[in-house]
Amino acid sequence: MQAKSRALYEFGATFLGPALHVYAESIEAEAEGHLPVCLAREGWCFHRLLTRLQRESSIDLPHDPVYLRVSRALLFRAMLGSKTITPMALSNDFSGSILDLMRKRFGLQLHEIFAALPFELLRFNCELPKDKDLVYQWLTPHFKALETVVSPTRKALVAYLKRSGLMDPDKRPLMLDLGYSGTIQKILTHILERDTTGLYFIATKPGDEEVSKHHALLKGVFHEGVGWRNGCTMLDRSLLFECLLTAPHGQMVDIRQKSNGEFEYFYGREAGTQRHFQDLKTVFDGAIDHVVMCRHHGVNYSTADVQGLYEVFATRPNCIPHDVWHLFSVDDDITGNGIVNPMQMFAI
């Protein structure tokens, strides 16, 4: 193995490996009666981890895990005009024009925006969540037009969820994701019209929440009930995990069902990890091999071990090897920030 590949592989084993090991144990403990559903970009690695552990007979899951190509942007788009979900979509930070909000938060194309909303409205500026009620009031008269625009997305999404097995009444979906407030899980709970469970690295609002007469139960493995900028490094600097726990295709922004019943997926722009995905795959290989080794030899980590390790990598300069730096960028268009580099942001 070349020196660069060795550095990537070993970084995966030390940085991601212990966290994935503890997470896999937690998934196994929750799996009874559940269908493991690996969500969004992070879910690509989780699905790869679980299927490898199954092949190695190193994990006991009653049902094979499912990888679900969803994102907040896709779900916000599909449910645009919903009186339950649209207020949820306006609750996250954003600053800019209504035109930019429609493009970046809801993933609408310019021709779709101009077909549904008057030009004068698109020039208005807003700051979310402060202006949430006002923006909702501005959009309400145009809900029918917006629902018409996103109708193909919504129909394809529902068919995709059904094809993926999420509507099987005998298997309660166990949503697997990095965190934090369970937005994707709650939207899926509304669409599926059934109770769901979510198991996250970090759950900022753990517990049972009612969504459209059904229940979304959220649990955190490493932290529960913590807030942003309250001293929790794993949450405040979670972008390091987000950059690496991604998929080769990046963020999914739209879906269509073709005439033959198959699905066509549309993705957002590439971040550094998509351009160098072969390197990221080597990081994953190191992390997953480490999990397999730990389970074969009875090696265990506590949640405190993982928290302490993350603290070191996330706060001390030069702990992340130079050969890995190019992987740390992430698409944060949903908040209007574009491509973000946490190495620069955190000065590490």
Protein backbone atom coordinates (compact mmCIF):
# COMPACT_ATOMS: atom_id res chain seq x y z
CA MET A 1 0.00 0.00 0.00
CA GLN A 2 1.37 3.44 -0.97
CA ALA A 3 2.18 5.96 1.77
CA LYS A 4 -0.82 8.17 0.96
CA SER A 5 -3.21 5.22 0.87
CA ARG A 6 -1.78 3.94 4.16
CA ALA A 7 -2.34 7.37 5.76
CA LEU A 8 -5.97 7.46 4.53
CA TYR A 9 -6.61 3.88 5.68
CA GLU A 10 -5.12 4.43 9.14
CA PHE A 11 -6.95 7.72 9.58
CA GLY A 12 -10.23 5.90 8.86
CA ALA A 13 -9.37 3.27 11.47
CA THR A 14 -8.51 5.78 14.20
CA PHE A 15 -10.97 8.61 13.48
CA LEU A 16 -14.09 6.81 12.22
CA GLY A 17 -13.52 3.20 13.30
CA PRO A 18 -14.29 3.49 17.05
CA ALA A 19 -17.42 5.60 16.44
CA LEU A 20 -18.76 3.16 13.85
CA HIS A 21 -18.04 0.24 16.18
CA VAL A 22 -20.09 1.71 19.04
CA TYR A 23 -22.83 2.75 16.60
CA ALA A 24 -23.06 -0.77 15.12
CA GLU A 25 -23.47 -2.21 18.62
CA SER A 26 -26.30 0.24 19.31
CA ILE A 27 -28.02 -0.62 16.01
CA GLU A 28 -27.86 -4.33 16.84
CA ALA A 29 -29.40 -3.66 20.27
CA GLU A 30 -32.31 -1.74 18.67
CA ALA A 31 -32.83 -3.95 15.61
CA GLU A 32 -35.50 -6.36 16.89
CA GLY A 33 -38.78 -5.70 15.05
CA HIS A 34 -37.16 -2.92 13.00
CA LEU A 35 -36.05 -2.41 9.41
CA PRO A 36 -32.66 -0.61 9.47
CA VAL A 37 -32.95 2.37 7.09
CA CYS A 38 -29.66 4.15 6.31
CA LEU A 39 -30.53 7.73 5.47
CA ALA A 40 -29.10 10.35 3.15
CA ARG A 41 -25.39 10.91 2.52
CA GLU A 42 -24.24 9.49 5.86
CA GLY A 43 -26.34 6.39 5.28
CA TRP A 44 -24.14 5.26 2.38
CA CYS A 45 -21.29 4.45 4.79
CA PHE A 46 -23.65 3.02 7.42
CA HIS A 47 -25.19 0.68 4.84
CA ARG A 48 -21.74 -0.41 3.67
CA LEU A 49 -20.75 -1.07 7.30
CA LEU A 50 -23.83 -3.15 8.13
CA THR A 51 -23.74 -5.26 4.96
CA ARG A 52 -20.04 -6.01 5.54
CA LEU A 53 -20.74 -7.05 9.14
CA GLN A 54 -23.55 -9.29 7.91
CA ARG A 55 -21.22 -10.97 5.40
CA GLU A 56 -18.71 -11.54 8.20
CA SER A 57 -21.48 -12.94 10.45
CA SER A 58 -20.47 -10.24 12.94
CA ILE A 59 -23.89 -8.69 13.52
CA ASP A 60 -27.38 -10.06 14.11
CA LEU A 61 -30.04 -8.10 12.21
CA PRO A 62 -33.54 -9.54 11.68
CA HIS A 63 -33.87 -7.66 8.36
CA ASP A 64 -31.33 -6.58 5.76
CA PRO A 65 -30.55 -2.85 5.93
CA VAL A 66 -31.92 -0.51 3.28
CA TYR A 67 -30.07 2.50 1.85
CA LEU A 68 -32.50 5.37 1.26
CA ARG A 69 -31.36 8.12 -1.13
CA VAL A 70 -33.09 11.04 0.53
CA SER A 71 -32.10 14.47 1.82
CA ARG A 72 -33.77 17.34 3.60
CA ALA A 73 -33.71 19.30 0.33
CA LEU A 74 -35.50 16.50 -1.55
CA LEU A 75 -38.13 16.02 1.16
CA PHE A 76 -38.71 19.77 1.57
CA ARG A 77 -39.20 20.00 -2.19
CA ALA A 78 -41.56 17.01 -2.35
CA MET A 79 -43.70 18.35 0.50
CA LEU A 80 -43.69 22.02 -0.53
CA GLY A 81 -47.20 23.33 0.09
CA SER A 82 -47.86 20.88 2.93
CA LYS A 83 -49.26 22.72 5.96
CA THR A 84 -47.42 20.28 8.23
CA ILE A 85 -43.99 20.15 6.57
CA THR A 86 -43.56 23.64 5.06
CA PRO A 87 -43.36 25.34 8.51
CA MET A 88 -40.71 22.75 9.45
CA ALA A 89 -38.74 23.70 6.33
CA LEU A 90 -38.82 27.36 7.38
CA SER A 91 -37.50 26.64 10.88
CA ASN A 92 -33.81 26.27 9.95
CA ASP A 93 -31.33 29.12 9.59
CA PHE A 94 -31.35 31.00 6.29
CA SER A 95 -30.65 34.53 5.14
CA GLY A 96 -31.41 35.78 1.63
CA SER A 97 -34.15 36.41 -0.91
CA ILE A 98 -37.26 34.29 -1.43
CA LEU A 99 -35.80 33.37 -4.83
CA ASP A 100 -32.66 32.00 -3.16
CA LEU A 101 -34.78 30.24 -0.52
CA MET A 102 -36.77 28.43 -3.22
CA ARG A 103 -33.55 27.40 -5.00
CA LYS A 104 -31.39 26.41 -2.05
CA ARG A 105 -33.85 25.17 0.59
CA PHE A 106 -36.44 23.57 -1.71
CA GLY A 107 -34.26 22.75 -4.74
CA LEU A 108 -36.57 24.38 -7.30
CA GLN A 109 -35.29 25.30 -10.76
CA LEU A 110 -35.73 28.88 -11.97
CA HIS A 111 -38.46 27.99 -14.47
CA GLU A 112 -40.39 26.18 -11.71
CA ILE A 113 -40.09 29.15 -9.36
CA PHE A 114 -41.28 31.67 -11.96
CA ALA A 115 -44.18 29.38 -12.90
CA ALA A 116 -45.48 29.29 -9.31
CA LEU A 117 -44.56 32.58 -7.63
CA PRO A 118 -44.94 36.25 -8.62
CA PHE A 119 -41.76 38.14 -9.43
CA GLU A 120 -42.41 40.77 -6.74
CA LEU A 121 -42.44 38.14 -3.99
CA LEU A 122 -39.15 36.63 -5.16
CA ARG A 123 -37.32 39.90 -4.47
CA PHE A 124 -38.34 39.97 -0.79
CA ASN A 125 -35.56 39.18 1.69
CA CYS A 126 -35.99 37.08 4.80
CA GLU A 127 -34.05 35.82 7.78
CA LEU A 128 -35.10 32.44 9.11
CA PRO A 129 -36.29 31.28 11.54
CA LYS A 130 -37.04 34.86 12.71
CA ASP A 131 -39.32 35.57 9.71
CA LYS A 132 -40.80 32.06 9.57
CA ASP A 133 -44.44 33.12 10.12
CA LEU A 134 -44.18 36.01 7.69
CA VAL A 135 -42.66 33.85 4.92
CA TYR A 136 -45.31 31.19 5.49
CA GLN A 137 -47.96 33.90 5.14
CA TRP A 138 -46.39 35.11 1.87
CA LEU A 139 -46.28 31.57 0.42
CA THR A 140 -49.73 30.34 1.53
CA PRO A 141 -51.72 31.87 -1.39
CA HIS A 142 -49.39 30.05 -3.80
CA PHE A 143 -49.44 26.59 -2.20
CA LYS A 144 -51.61 25.07 -4.94
CA ALA A 145 -49.28 26.28 -7.68
CA LEU A 146 -46.24 25.03 -5.75
CA GLU A 147 -47.86 21.63 -5.16
CA THR A 148 -48.47 21.34 -8.91
CA VAL A 149 -44.80 22.08 -9.64
CA VAL A 150 -43.50 19.44 -7.19
CA SER A 151 -46.20 16.83 -7.87
CA PRO A 152 -43.91 14.58 -10.03
CA THR A 153 -41.31 14.59 -7.26
CA ARG A 154 -43.86 13.72 -4.58
CA LYS A 155 -45.39 10.86 -6.60
CA ALA A 156 -41.97 9.40 -7.40
CA LEU A 157 -40.86 9.71 -3.77
CA VAL A 158 -43.89 7.84 -2.43
CA ALA A 159 -43.36 5.06 -5.01
CA TYR A 160 -39.65 4.91 -4.07
CA LEU A 161 -40.44 4.60 -0.35
CA LYS A 162 -42.91 1.80 -1.07
CA ARG A 163 -40.40 -0.02 -3.31
CA SER A 164 -37.78 0.26 -0.54
CA GLY A 165 -40.00 -1.63 1.91
CA LEU A 166 -40.74 1.23 4.31
CA MET A 167 -44.47 0.61 4.17
CA ASP A 168 -44.26 -3.01 5.33
CA PRO A 169 -46.54 -3.06 8.42
CA ASP A 170 -44.45 -5.79 10.09
CA LYS A 171 -41.21 -3.77 10.09
CA ARG A 172 -41.00 -0.47 11.94
CA PRO A 173 -38.39 1.73 10.19
CA LEU A 174 -35.24 2.35 12.26
CA MET A 175 -33.77 5.53 10.74
CA LEU A 176 -29.97 5.68 10.90
CA ASP A 177 -28.26 9.04 10.49
CA LEU A 178 -25.65 11.32 12.02
CA GLY A 179 -28.25 13.61 13.60
CA TYR A 180 -29.50 15.93 14.93
CA SER A 181 -33.14 16.96 15.36
CA GLY A 182 -34.57 14.15 13.22
CA THR A 183 -36.00 16.36 10.45
CA ILE A 184 -35.79 13.66 7.75
CA GLN A 185 -37.30 11.08 10.10
CA LYS A 186 -40.20 13.37 11.00
CA ILE A 187 -41.00 14.14 7.37
CA LEU A 188 -40.90 10.43 6.51
CA THR A 189 -43.16 9.71 9.49
CA HIS A 190 -45.67 12.16 7.98
CA ILE A 191 -45.40 10.73 4.45
CA LEU A 192 -45.47 7.07 5.52
CA GLU A 193 -48.27 7.70 8.04
CA ARG A 194 -46.67 5.32 10.52
CA ASP A 195 -44.55 5.33 13.69
CA THR A 196 -40.77 5.39 13.25
CA THR A 197 -37.64 5.13 15.40
CA GLY A 198 -34.44 7.09 14.79
CA LEU A 199 -30.99 6.18 16.10
CA TYR A 200 -28.44 8.97 15.70
CA PHE A 201 -24.87 9.77 16.65
CA ILE A 202 -26.36 12.87 18.34
CA ALA A 203 -30.03 13.59 19.10
CA THR A 204 -30.50 17.22 20.11
CA LYS A 205 -34.19 16.64 20.86
CA PRO A 206 -34.50 13.00 21.97
CA GLY A 207 -37.75 11.33 22.90
CA ASP A 208 -41.13 10.74 21.32
CA GLU A 209 -42.67 13.44 19.11
CA GLU A 210 -46.10 13.35 17.51
CA VAL A 211 -46.15 14.02 13.77
CA SER A 212 -49.52 13.96 12.01
CA LYS A 213 -51.08 11.54 14.56
CA HIS A 214 -48.07 9.23 14.40
CA HIS A 215 -44.93 9.05 16.53
CA ALA A 216 -41.27 9.66 15.77
CA LEU A 217 -39.01 8.33 18.53
CA LEU A 218 -35.47 9.79 18.53
CA LYS A 219 -32.46 8.35 20.36
CA GLY A 220 -28.81 9.45 20.45
CA VAL A 221 -25.84 7.11 20.86
CA PHE A 222 -23.07 9.56 21.84
CA HIS A 223 -25.10 12.56 23.02
CA GLU A 224 -28.73 13.33 23.80
CA GLY A 225 -30.38 16.65 24.61
CA VAL A 226 -27.31 18.79 23.89
CA GLY A 227 -27.52 22.21 22.24
CA TRP A 228 -25.39 24.02 19.70
CA ARG A 229 -22.57 26.17 21.11
CA ASN A 230 -23.06 24.71 24.60
CA GLY A 231 -19.69 23.01 24.91
CA CYS A 232 -20.41 19.73 23.07
CA THR A 233 -17.48 19.43 20.65
CA MET A 234 -18.93 16.46 18.78
CA LEU A 235 -21.99 18.58 17.92
CA ASP A 236 -20.37 22.00 17.47
CA ARG A 237 -17.69 20.55 15.20
CA SER A 238 -19.79 17.78 13.67
CA LEU A 239 -18.91 19.04 10.18
CA LEU A 240 -15.79 16.85 10.40
CA PHE A 241 -18.00 13.76 10.56
CA GLU A 242 -20.39 15.18 7.94
CA CYS A 243 -17.59 15.74 5.41
CA LEU A 244 -16.42 12.12 5.60
CA LEU A 245 -19.73 10.32 6.14
CA THR A 246 -21.00 11.06 2.66
CA ALA A 247 -21.98 9.26 -0.52
CA PRO A 248 -20.15 9.17 -3.87
CA HIS A 249 -23.07 10.97 -5.51
CA GLY A 250 -23.41 13.76 -2.92
CA GLN A 251 -26.77 15.23 -1.96
CA MET A 252 -29.90 14.04 -3.77
CA VAL A 253 -32.15 16.94 -4.81
CA ASP A 254 -34.86 15.36 -6.96
CA ILE A 255 -36.33 12.04 -8.09
CA ARG A 256 -38.50 10.91 -11.01
CA GLN A 257 -40.16 7.60 -11.84
CA LYS A 258 -39.64 6.58 -15.45
CA SER A 259 -42.25 4.92 -17.66
CA ASN A 260 -40.68 1.50 -17.02
CA GLY A 261 -41.15 1.93 -13.25
CA GLU A 262 -37.47 2.55 -12.49
CA PHE A 263 -36.25 5.69 -10.75
CA GLU A 264 -34.04 8.51 -11.96
CA TYR A 265 -32.06 10.41 -9.31
CA PHE A 266 -30.76 13.97 -9.49
CA TYR A 267 -27.92 15.28 -7.35
CA GLY A 268 -26.52 18.60 -6.17
CA ARG A 269 -23.05 19.92 -6.88
CA GLU A 270 -19.91 18.02 -5.94
CA ALA A 271 -17.86 18.76 -2.83
CA GLY A 272 -14.23 17.69 -2.39
CA THR A 273 -15.23 14.25 -1.16
CA GLN A 274 -17.15 13.50 -4.37
CA ARG A 275 -14.22 14.59 -6.56
CA HIS A 276 -11.83 12.40 -4.56
CA PHE A 277 -14.16 9.58 -3.63
CA GLN A 278 -11.57 6.86 -4.22
CA ASP A 279 -9.59 8.38 -1.35
CA LEU A 280 -12.67 8.51 0.85
CA LYS A 281 -13.37 4.86 0.05
CA THR A 282 -9.92 4.05 1.44
CA VAL A 283 -10.84 5.91 4.64
CA PHE A 284 -14.05 3.85 4.84
CA ASP A 285 -12.11 0.64 4.26
CA GLY A 286 -9.85 1.45 7.20
CA ALA A 287 -12.80 2.30 9.43
CA ILE A 288 -14.91 -0.75 8.53
CA ASP A 289 -11.96 -3.15 8.73
CA HIS A 290 -11.31 -1.76 12.22
CA VAL A 291 -14.92 -2.48 13.24
CA VAL A 292 -14.68 -6.04 11.90
CA MET A 293 -11.40 -6.58 13.77
CA CYS A 294 -12.90 -5.22 17.02
CA ARG A 295 -15.93 -7.48 16.80
CA HIS A 296 -13.85 -10.54 15.95
CA HIS A 297 -11.48 -10.00 18.89
CA GLY A 298 -13.91 -8.65 21.47
CA VAL A 299 -12.44 -5.14 21.53
CA ASN A 300 -14.85 -2.54 22.94
CA TYR A 301 -15.01 1.23 23.15
CA SER A 302 -17.21 3.28 25.45
CA THR A 303 -19.09 6.36 24.27
CA ALA A 304 -16.68 8.39 26.45
CA ASP A 305 -13.73 6.90 24.53
CA VAL A 306 -15.23 8.06 21.23
CA GLN A 307 -16.07 11.51 22.60
CA GLY A 308 -12.52 11.97 23.91
CA LEU A 309 -10.97 10.84 20.63
CA TYR A 310 -13.17 13.22 18.64
CA GLU A 311 -12.23 16.08 20.99
CA VAL A 312 -8.55 15.56 20.12
CA PHE A 313 -9.04 15.44 16.35
CA ALA A 314 -11.51 18.37 16.32
CA THR A 315 -9.58 20.84 18.48
CA ARG A 316 -5.85 20.23 18.18
CA PRO A 317 -3.90 21.46 15.15
CA ASN A 318 -2.15 18.89 12.94
CA CYS A 319 -3.93 15.83 14.40
CA ILE A 320 -5.63 15.28 11.05
CA PRO A 321 -2.90 14.17 8.60
CA HIS A 322 -2.15 16.38 5.61
CA ASP A 323 -2.98 13.56 3.17
CA VAL A 324 -6.64 13.75 4.28
CA TRP A 325 -7.19 17.52 4.22
CA HIS A 326 -8.59 17.56 0.67
CA LEU A 327 -11.60 15.48 1.80
CA PHE A 328 -12.89 18.09 4.21
CA SER A 329 -15.51 20.12 2.37
CA VAL A 330 -19.29 19.80 2.41
CA ASP A 331 -22.27 21.16 0.48
CA ASP A 332 -24.25 23.42 2.85
CA ASP A 333 -26.49 25.03 0.23
CA ILE A 334 -29.62 24.31 2.25
CA THR A 335 -28.64 27.10 4.67
CA GLY A 336 -27.32 29.33 1.89
CA ASN A 337 -23.64 28.85 2.81
CA GLY A 338 -22.49 26.93 -0.28
CA ILE A 339 -19.40 24.71 0.05
CA VAL A 340 -17.98 24.84 3.60
CA ASN A 341 -14.46 23.81 4.72
CA PRO A 342 -14.38 22.89 8.44
CA MET A 343 -10.57 22.75 8.55
CA GLN A 344 -10.49 26.47 7.83
CA MET A 345 -13.55 27.21 9.95
CA PHE A 346 -12.14 25.49 13.05
CA ALA A 347 -8.51 26.53 12.41
CA ILE A 348 -7.16 23.00 12.73
